[in-house]
C-alpha cells in the first residue's frame, strides 16, 4: 500500500517537471506524454529497486532519459531510408553551392540565440529534418550525448553519425537561409 501512495505522490509532484524535460527532448507533446507515462509505469514495476539514496526526481529523470533513448532508437530504425536528391543532382554534383559559403550576418551568435523569433525559426527548421537526421542531431546537440553513445544507441557507425550530422547541418543551413537570413 505504501508503494501505491508514494507513487501517486510522485505522479502529482514530478509529472510537470518530467513532461517539460520530455517536451524539450522530443519536441512533441503527445510523444512526451506517452514517454512520461512509460516512466511512471517503469517506476511502478521497478519500485523495489529504488533505494532512496537519491531524490525520486533524479531516479525518475534517469528512467526518462532511457525511455527517450528507446523512443529515438525505435523511431530511428522504423524510418525509411533518406534520399540525397535534395543536395545532389543525377551526376553527384551539388545542387546549390550556397550551403558551403559563410553567412553574412551582422548579429553575433549569442545575440541570435537570445532572439525568440530566431529560436522559433531554428526549431521549425529542425522539425523539418527527416527523422533519420533529426533524431541523431537532437541526441548529439540537444541532449549533448557523446558521438560513441549516440552511435551505440542508434546502432550506427560513428562515421555514419558524422555524415548524418553534416547533412543535417547543411539542410538546417538552407532552411535558415531561406526562413531567417533572406528575410532579415
C-alpha atoms as a PDB file:
ATOM      1  CA  UNK A   1       0.000   0.000   0.000  1.00  0.00           C
ATOM      2  CA  UNK A   2       2.895   2.363   0.771  1.00  0.00           C
ATOM      3  CA  UNK A   3       4.199   1.818  -2.751  1.00  0.00           C
ATOM      4  CA  UNK A   4       0.932   2.973  -4.362  1.00  0.00           C
ATOM      5  CA  UNK A   5       0.666   6.043  -2.138  1.00  0.00           C
ATOM      6  CA  UNK A   6       4.258   7.068  -2.726  1.00  0.00           C
ATOM      7  CA  UNK A   7       3.969   6.609  -6.496  1.00  0.00           C
ATOM      8  CA  UNK A   8       0.750   8.676  -6.518  1.00  0.00           C
ATOM      9  CA  UNK A   9       2.576  11.464  -4.710  1.00  0.00           C
ATOM     10  CA  UNK A  10       5.432  11.231  -7.223  1.00  0.00           C
ATOM     11  CA  UNK A  11       2.989  11.497 -10.113  1.00  0.00           C
ATOM     12  CA  UNK A  12       1.480  14.633  -8.553  1.00  0.00           C
ATOM     13  CA  UNK A  13       4.843  16.093  -7.608  1.00  0.00           C
ATOM     14  CA  UNK A  14       7.046  15.296 -10.615  1.00  0.00           C
ATOM     15  CA  UNK A  15       4.796  14.917 -13.683  1.00  0.00           C
ATOM     16  CA  UNK A  16       5.178  18.537 -14.728  1.00  0.00           C
ATOM     17  CA  UNK A  17       8.986  18.531 -14.436  1.00  0.00           C
ATOM     18  CA  UNK A  18       9.278  15.264 -16.331  1.00  0.00           C
ATOM     19  CA  UNK A  19       6.872  16.452 -19.030  1.00  0.00           C
ATOM     20  CA  UNK A  20       8.871  19.664 -19.553  1.00  0.00           C
ATOM     21  CA  UNK A  21      12.080  17.659 -19.907  1.00  0.00           C
ATOM     22  CA  UNK A  22      10.421  15.182 -22.276  1.00  0.00           C
ATOM     23  CA  UNK A  23       8.979  18.025 -24.367  1.00  0.00           C
ATOM     24  CA  UNK A  24      12.447  19.548 -24.650  1.00  0.00           C
ATOM     25  CA  UNK A  25      13.967  16.242 -25.743  1.00  0.00           C
ATOM     26  CA  UNK A  26      11.168  15.087 -28.062  1.00  0.00           C
ATOM     27  CA  UNK A  27       9.606  18.335 -29.345  1.00  0.00           C
ATOM     28  CA  UNK A  28       6.189  16.674 -29.477  1.00  0.00           C
ATOM     29  CA  UNK A  29       3.664  16.959 -26.664  1.00  0.00           C
ATOM     30  CA  UNK A  30       1.867  13.681 -27.360  1.00  0.00           C
ATOM     31  CA  UNK A  31       5.114  11.716 -27.551  1.00  0.00           C
ATOM     32  CA  UNK A  32       6.322  13.440 -24.375  1.00  0.00           C
ATOM     33  CA  UNK A  33       3.125  12.499 -22.515  1.00  0.00           C
ATOM     34  CA  UNK A  34       3.457   8.886 -23.656  1.00  0.00           C
ATOM     35  CA  UNK A  35       7.075   8.713 -22.526  1.00  0.00           C
ATOM     36  CA  UNK A  36       6.282  10.242 -19.114  1.00  0.00           C
ATOM     37  CA  UNK A  37       3.503   7.695 -18.693  1.00  0.00           C
ATOM     38  CA  UNK A  38       6.007   4.946 -19.507  1.00  0.00           C
ATOM     39  CA  UNK A  39       8.367   6.417 -16.901  1.00  0.00           C
ATOM     40  CA  UNK A  40       5.769   6.016 -14.171  1.00  0.00           C
ATOM     41  CA  UNK A  41       4.848   2.505 -15.332  1.00  0.00           C
ATOM     42  CA  UNK A  42       8.511   1.578 -15.249  1.00  0.00           C
ATOM     43  CA  UNK A  43       8.922   3.203 -11.832  1.00  0.00           C
ATOM     44  CA  UNK A  44       5.954   1.196 -10.558  1.00  0.00           C
ATOM     45  CA  UNK A  45       7.347  -2.100 -11.817  1.00  0.00           C
ATOM     46  CA  UNK A  46      10.873  -1.420 -10.536  1.00  0.00           C
ATOM     47  CA  UNK A  47       9.897   0.458  -7.366  1.00  0.00           C
ATOM     48  CA  UNK A  48      11.608  -2.138  -5.168  1.00  0.00           C
ATOM     49  CA  UNK A  49      14.973  -1.319  -6.745  1.00  0.00           C
ATOM     50  CA  UNK A  50      14.714   2.342  -5.690  1.00  0.00           C
ATOM     51  CA  UNK A  51      16.904   2.546  -2.602  1.00  0.00           C
ATOM     52  CA  UNK A  52      16.026   6.120  -1.678  1.00  0.00           C
ATOM     53  CA  UNK A  53      19.675   7.215  -1.801  1.00  0.00           C
ATOM     54  CA  UNK A  54      18.771   9.929  -4.308  1.00  0.00           C
ATOM     55  CA  UNK A  55      15.874  12.251  -4.850  1.00  0.00           C
ATOM     56  CA  UNK A  56      12.964  10.429  -6.543  1.00  0.00           C
ATOM     57  CA  UNK A  57      13.034  13.040  -9.325  1.00  0.00           C
ATOM     58  CA  UNK A  58      16.653  12.112 -10.071  1.00  0.00           C
ATOM     59  CA  UNK A  59      15.681   8.449 -10.340  1.00  0.00           C
ATOM     60  CA  UNK A  60      12.629   9.235 -12.475  1.00  0.00           C
ATOM     61  CA  UNK A  61      14.712  11.509 -14.732  1.00  0.00           C
ATOM     62  CA  UNK A  62      17.214   8.707 -15.339  1.00  0.00           C
ATOM     63  CA  UNK A  63      14.304   6.453 -16.317  1.00  0.00           C
ATOM     64  CA  UNK A  64      13.015   9.239 -18.578  1.00  0.00           C
ATOM     65  CA  UNK A  65      16.385   9.552 -20.314  1.00  0.00           C
ATOM     66  CA  UNK A  66      16.430   5.803 -21.026  1.00  0.00           C
ATOM     67  CA  UNK A  67      12.831   5.925 -22.305  1.00  0.00           C
ATOM     68  CA  UNK A  68      13.690   8.829 -24.616  1.00  0.00           C
ATOM     69  CA  UNK A  69      16.698   6.907 -25.939  1.00  0.00           C
ATOM     70  CA  UNK A  70      14.442   3.884 -26.513  1.00  0.00           C
ATOM     71  CA  UNK A  71      11.908   6.104 -28.271  1.00  0.00           C
ATOM     72  CA  UNK A  72      14.536   7.524 -30.632  1.00  0.00           C
ATOM     73  CA  UNK A  73      16.125   4.127 -31.226  1.00  0.00           C
ATOM     74  CA  UNK A  74      12.764   2.626 -32.186  1.00  0.00           C
ATOM     75  CA  UNK A  75      11.775   5.606 -34.310  1.00  0.00           C
ATOM     76  CA  UNK A  76      15.161   5.780 -35.999  1.00  0.00           C
ATOM     77  CA  UNK A  77      15.026   2.144 -37.021  1.00  0.00           C
ATOM     78  CA  UNK A  78      11.464   2.395 -38.339  1.00  0.00           C
ATOM     79  CA  UNK A  79      12.017   5.395 -40.632  1.00  0.00           C
ATOM     80  CA  UNK A  80      12.566   4.822 -44.355  1.00  0.00           C
ATOM     81  CA  UNK A  81      15.931   5.445 -45.993  1.00  0.00           C
ATOM     82  CA  UNK A  82      16.867   9.015 -46.850  1.00  0.00           C
ATOM     83  CA  UNK A  83      17.464  10.097 -50.407  1.00  0.00           C
ATOM     84  CA  UNK A  84      20.071  12.737 -51.100  1.00  0.00           C
ATOM     85  CA  UNK A  85      18.349  14.176 -54.183  1.00  0.00           C
ATOM     86  CA  UNK A  86      17.839  17.341 -52.197  1.00  0.00           C
ATOM     87  CA  UNK A  87      21.587  18.095 -52.167  1.00  0.00           C
ATOM     88  CA  UNK A  88      22.968  16.361 -55.246  1.00  0.00           C
ATOM     89  CA  UNK A  89      21.945  16.138 -58.888  1.00  0.00           C
ATOM     90  CA  UNK A  90      21.994  12.975 -61.029  1.00  0.00           C
ATOM     91  CA  UNK A  91      25.745  13.369 -61.659  1.00  0.00           C
ATOM     92  CA  UNK A  92      26.544  13.697 -57.958  1.00  0.00           C
ATOM     93  CA  UNK A  93      27.293  17.439 -58.096  1.00  0.00           C
ATOM     94  CA  UNK A  94      25.983  19.922 -55.548  1.00  0.00           C
ATOM     95  CA  UNK A  95      22.599  21.358 -56.498  1.00  0.00           C
ATOM     96  CA  UNK A  96      23.293  24.515 -54.522  1.00  0.00           C
ATOM     97  CA  UNK A  97      26.858  25.529 -53.679  1.00  0.00           C
ATOM     98  CA  UNK A  98      25.479  28.273 -51.411  1.00  0.00           C
ATOM     99  CA  UNK A  99      25.383  25.924 -48.427  1.00  0.00           C
ATOM    100  CA  UNK A 100      29.172  25.898 -48.493  1.00  0.00           C
ATOM    101  CA  UNK A 101      29.587  29.691 -48.192  1.00  0.00           C
ATOM    102  CA  UNK A 102      29.813  31.702 -44.974  1.00  0.00           C
ATOM    103  CA  UNK A 103      26.796  33.658 -43.790  1.00  0.00           C
ATOM    104  CA  UNK A 104      26.961  37.405 -43.910  1.00  0.00           C
ATOM    105  CA  UNK A 105      25.484  38.264 -40.529  1.00  0.00           C
ATOM    106  CA  UNK A 106      25.709  41.424 -38.505  1.00  0.00           C
ATOM    107  CA  UNK A 107      24.475  39.786 -35.284  1.00  0.00           C
ATOM    108  CA  UNK A 108      26.758  37.711 -33.129  1.00  0.00           C
ATOM    109  CA  UNK A 109      25.890  34.082 -32.457  1.00  0.00           C
ATOM    110  CA  UNK A 110      24.953  34.832 -28.829  1.00  0.00           C
ATOM    111  CA  UNK A 111      22.569  37.579 -29.924  1.00  0.00           C
ATOM    112  CA  UNK A 112      20.870  35.207 -32.345  1.00  0.00           C
ATOM    113  CA  UNK A 113      20.404  32.556 -29.675  1.00  0.00           C
ATOM    114  CA  UNK A 114      18.762  35.159 -27.429  1.00  0.00           C
ATOM    115  CA  UNK A 115      16.304  36.098 -30.183  1.00  0.00           C
ATOM    116  CA  UNK A 116      12.982  34.268 -29.657  1.00  0.00           C
ATOM    117  CA  UNK A 117      11.989  34.586 -33.312  1.00  0.00           C
ATOM    118  CA  UNK A 118      15.291  33.096 -34.457  1.00  0.00           C
ATOM    119  CA  UNK A 119      14.942  30.230 -31.962  1.00  0.00           C
ATOM    120  CA  UNK A 120      11.423  29.523 -33.255  1.00  0.00           C
ATOM    121  CA  UNK A 121      12.705  29.506 -36.838  1.00  0.00           C
ATOM    122  CA  UNK A 122      15.583  27.195 -35.853  1.00  0.00           C
ATOM    123  CA  UNK A 123      13.183  24.874 -34.032  1.00  0.00           C
ATOM    124  CA  UNK A 124      10.886  24.775 -37.073  1.00  0.00           C
ATOM    125  CA  UNK A 125      13.861  24.003 -39.323  1.00  0.00           C
ATOM    126  CA  UNK A 126      14.950  21.155 -37.034  1.00  0.00           C
ATOM    127  CA  UNK A 127      11.438  19.714 -37.133  1.00  0.00           C
ATOM    128  CA  UNK A 128      11.523  19.757 -40.957  1.00  0.00           C
ATOM    129  CA  UNK A 129      14.529  17.436 -40.994  1.00  0.00           C
ATOM    130  CA  UNK A 130      13.906  13.790 -41.859  1.00  0.00           C
ATOM    131  CA  UNK A 131      13.621  11.724 -38.665  1.00  0.00           C
ATOM    132  CA  UNK A 132      16.741   9.774 -39.603  1.00  0.00           C
ATOM    133  CA  UNK A 133      18.637  13.063 -39.362  1.00  0.00           C
ATOM    134  CA  UNK A 134      16.617  14.844 -36.675  1.00  0.00           C
ATOM    135  CA  UNK A 135      16.975  12.079 -34.103  1.00  0.00           C
ATOM    136  CA  UNK A 136      20.808  11.905 -34.118  1.00  0.00           C
ATOM    137  CA  UNK A 137      21.005  15.720 -34.301  1.00  0.00           C
ATOM    138  CA  UNK A 138      18.831  16.112 -31.197  1.00  0.00           C
ATOM    139  CA  UNK A 139      20.673  13.401 -29.311  1.00  0.00           C
ATOM    140  CA  UNK A 140      24.093  14.863 -30.131  1.00  0.00           C
ATOM    141  CA  UNK A 141      23.411  18.601 -29.886  1.00  0.00           C
ATOM    142  CA  UNK A 142      20.361  18.971 -27.616  1.00  0.00           C
ATOM    143  CA  UNK A 143      20.869  16.032 -25.274  1.00  0.00           C
ATOM    144  CA  UNK A 144      24.636  16.600 -25.521  1.00  0.00           C
ATOM    145  CA  UNK A 145      25.405  12.916 -25.790  1.00  0.00           C
ATOM    146  CA  UNK A 146      28.846  11.842 -26.948  1.00  0.00           C
ATOM    147  CA  UNK A 147      29.175  10.524 -30.505  1.00  0.00           C
ATOM    148  CA  UNK A 148      30.003   6.944 -29.434  1.00  0.00           C
ATOM    149  CA  UNK A 149      26.917   6.884 -27.199  1.00  0.00           C
ATOM    150  CA  UNK A 150      24.638   8.172 -29.962  1.00  0.00           C
ATOM    151  CA  UNK A 151      26.148   5.700 -32.406  1.00  0.00           C
ATOM    152  CA  UNK A 152      25.658   2.833 -29.991  1.00  0.00           C
ATOM    153  CA  UNK A 153      22.074   3.783 -29.098  1.00  0.00           C
ATOM    154  CA  UNK A 154      21.085   4.111 -32.759  1.00  0.00           C
ATOM    155  CA  UNK A 155      23.193   1.139 -33.834  1.00  0.00           C
ATOM    156  CA  UNK A 156      25.081   3.121 -36.486  1.00  0.00           C
ATOM    157  CA  UNK A 157      28.778   3.670 -37.022  1.00  0.00           C
ATOM    158  CA  UNK A 158      30.411   6.860 -35.783  1.00  0.00           C
ATOM    159  CA  UNK A 159      31.358   7.658 -39.383  1.00  0.00           C
ATOM    160  CA  UNK A 160      27.709   7.367 -40.394  1.00  0.00           C
ATOM    161  CA  UNK A 161      26.738   9.618 -37.479  1.00  0.00           C
ATOM    162  CA  UNK A 162      29.173  12.326 -38.631  1.00  0.00           C
ATOM    163  CA  UNK A 163      27.775  12.156 -42.165  1.00  0.00           C
ATOM    164  CA  UNK A 164      24.214  12.401 -40.843  1.00  0.00           C
ATOM    165  CA  UNK A 165      25.120  15.381 -38.665  1.00  0.00           C
ATOM    166  CA  UNK A 166      26.870  17.065 -41.599  1.00  0.00           C
ATOM    167  CA  UNK A 167      23.843  16.584 -43.849  1.00  0.00           C
ATOM    168  CA  UNK A 168      21.546  17.805 -41.084  1.00  0.00           C
ATOM    169  CA  UNK A 169      23.602  20.945 -40.621  1.00  0.00           C
ATOM    170  CA  UNK A 170      23.555  21.600 -44.368  1.00  0.00           C
ATOM    171  CA  UNK A 171      19.784  21.255 -44.530  1.00  0.00           C
ATOM    172  CA  UNK A 172      19.395  23.438 -41.425  1.00  0.00           C
ATOM    173  CA  UNK A 173      21.649  25.975 -43.050  1.00  0.00           C
ATOM    174  CA  UNK A 174      19.498  26.059 -46.174  1.00  0.00           C
ATOM    175  CA  UNK A 175      16.300  26.324 -44.128  1.00  0.00           C
ATOM    176  CA  UNK A 176      17.712  29.176 -42.015  1.00  0.00           C
ATOM    177  CA  UNK A 177      18.994  30.915 -45.138  1.00  0.00           C
ATOM    178  CA  UNK A 178      15.523  30.866 -46.630  1.00  0.00           C
ATOM    179  CA  UNK A 179      13.411  31.397 -43.496  1.00  0.00           C
ATOM    180  CA  UNK A 180      15.601  33.755 -41.464  1.00  0.00           C
ATOM    181  CA  UNK A 181      18.580  35.360 -43.181  1.00  0.00           C
ATOM    182  CA  UNK A 182      16.853  36.051 -46.504  1.00  0.00           C
ATOM    183  CA  UNK A 183      14.083  37.830 -44.563  1.00  0.00           C
ATOM    184  CA  UNK A 184      16.435  39.868 -42.337  1.00  0.00           C
END
